[in-house]
Amino acid sequence: MERRRARRAPEPVQGMGLSARFWARSMAIGLAVGLIAFSLAWPSGMPLALYVGLLTAAVACAIQVAIRAVRQRAASR
């Protein structure tokens, strides 16, 4: 019986549910959105385009974390 328990995967953390899969998906979406913003801002010059791309990627990831937090909070009520 103890061997079966040892082989099982660990239980997921009940916190906000920010698993590795969520972070990988969020980073991929943020990267895609940031690349699109970078490409659209490219004609105005490299430094500005880089800043726009990085800022947009960060905002996209922050929005996803905020949505996950709101959904977790709503589900717990």
Protein backbone atom coordinates (compact mmCIF):
# COMPACT_ATOMS: atom_id res chain seq x y z
CA MET A 1 0.00 0.00 0.00
CA GLU A 2 2.81 2.43 0.85
CA ARG A 3 4.51 1.69 -2.45
CA ARG A 4 1.39 2.75 -4.36
CA ARG A 5 1.26 6.03 -2.47
CA ALA A 6 4.93 6.65 -3.20
CA ARG A 7 4.39 6.11 -6.94
CA ARG A 8 1.40 8.44 -7.18
CA ALA A 9 1.88 11.95 -8.45
CA PRO A 10 1.81 14.61 -5.76
CA GLU A 11 -1.51 16.30 -5.10
CA PRO A 12 -1.93 19.68 -6.82
CA VAL A 13 -1.52 22.75 -4.65
CA GLN A 14 -4.87 24.28 -3.79
CA GLY A 15 -3.64 27.91 -3.93
CA MET A 16 -4.41 29.95 -7.01
CA GLY A 17 -3.88 27.00 -9.33
CA LEU A 18 -0.80 28.43 -11.04
CA SER A 19 0.65 25.22 -12.38
CA ALA A 20 3.58 24.80 -14.73
CA ARG A 21 1.12 24.19 -17.56
CA PHE A 22 -0.61 27.51 -16.84
CA TRP A 23 2.71 29.39 -16.80
CA ALA A 24 3.88 27.76 -20.04
CA ARG A 25 0.63 28.62 -21.78
CA SER A 26 0.61 32.16 -20.39
CA MET A 27 4.19 32.78 -21.48
CA ALA A 28 3.45 31.44 -24.96
CA ILE A 29 0.43 33.70 -25.32
CA GLY A 30 2.38 36.66 -23.93
CA LEU A 31 5.22 35.96 -26.35
CA ALA A 32 2.84 35.83 -29.31
CA VAL A 33 1.06 39.04 -28.30
CA GLY A 34 4.37 40.78 -27.63
CA LEU A 35 5.75 39.70 -31.00
CA ILE A 36 2.67 41.05 -32.78
CA ALA A 37 2.98 44.37 -30.94
CA PHE A 38 6.71 44.47 -31.69
CA SER A 39 6.03 43.87 -35.37
CA LEU A 40 3.36 46.57 -35.51
CA ALA A 41 5.61 49.11 -33.76
CA TRP A 42 8.71 48.26 -35.87
CA PRO A 43 8.35 51.17 -38.35
CA SER A 44 8.79 53.68 -35.49
CA GLY A 45 12.26 52.36 -34.61
CA MET A 46 13.93 49.54 -32.77
CA PRO A 47 14.07 50.83 -29.18
CA LEU A 48 10.42 51.89 -29.11
CA ALA A 49 9.31 48.66 -30.80
CA LEU A 50 11.20 46.60 -28.21
CA TYR A 51 9.64 48.51 -25.32
CA VAL A 52 6.16 48.20 -26.81
CA GLY A 53 6.62 44.44 -27.35
CA LEU A 54 7.93 43.81 -23.84
CA LEU A 55 5.27 45.95 -22.19
CA THR A 56 2.50 44.30 -24.18
CA ALA A 57 3.77 40.81 -23.32
CA ALA A 58 3.93 41.70 -19.62
CA VAL A 59 0.41 43.16 -19.67
CA ALA A 60 -0.93 40.06 -21.45
CA CYS A 61 0.58 37.77 -18.78
CA ALA A 62 -0.69 40.00 -15.97
CA ILE A 63 -4.20 39.94 -17.42
CA GLN A 64 -4.12 36.14 -17.57
CA VAL A 65 -3.00 35.87 -13.94
CA ALA A 66 -5.71 38.33 -12.89
CA ILE A 67 -8.39 36.38 -14.75
CA ARG A 68 -7.20 33.14 -13.12
CA ALA A 69 -7.33 34.76 -9.68
CA VAL A 70 -10.86 36.08 -10.24
CA ARG A 71 -12.05 32.70 -11.52
CA GLN A 72 -10.53 30.88 -8.54
CA ARG A 73 -12.10 33.35 -6.16
CA ALA A 74 -15.50 33.04 -7.81
CA ALA A 75 -15.29 29.24 -7.76
CA SER A 76 -14.53 29.18 -4.05
CA ARG A 77 -17.65 31.17 -3.19
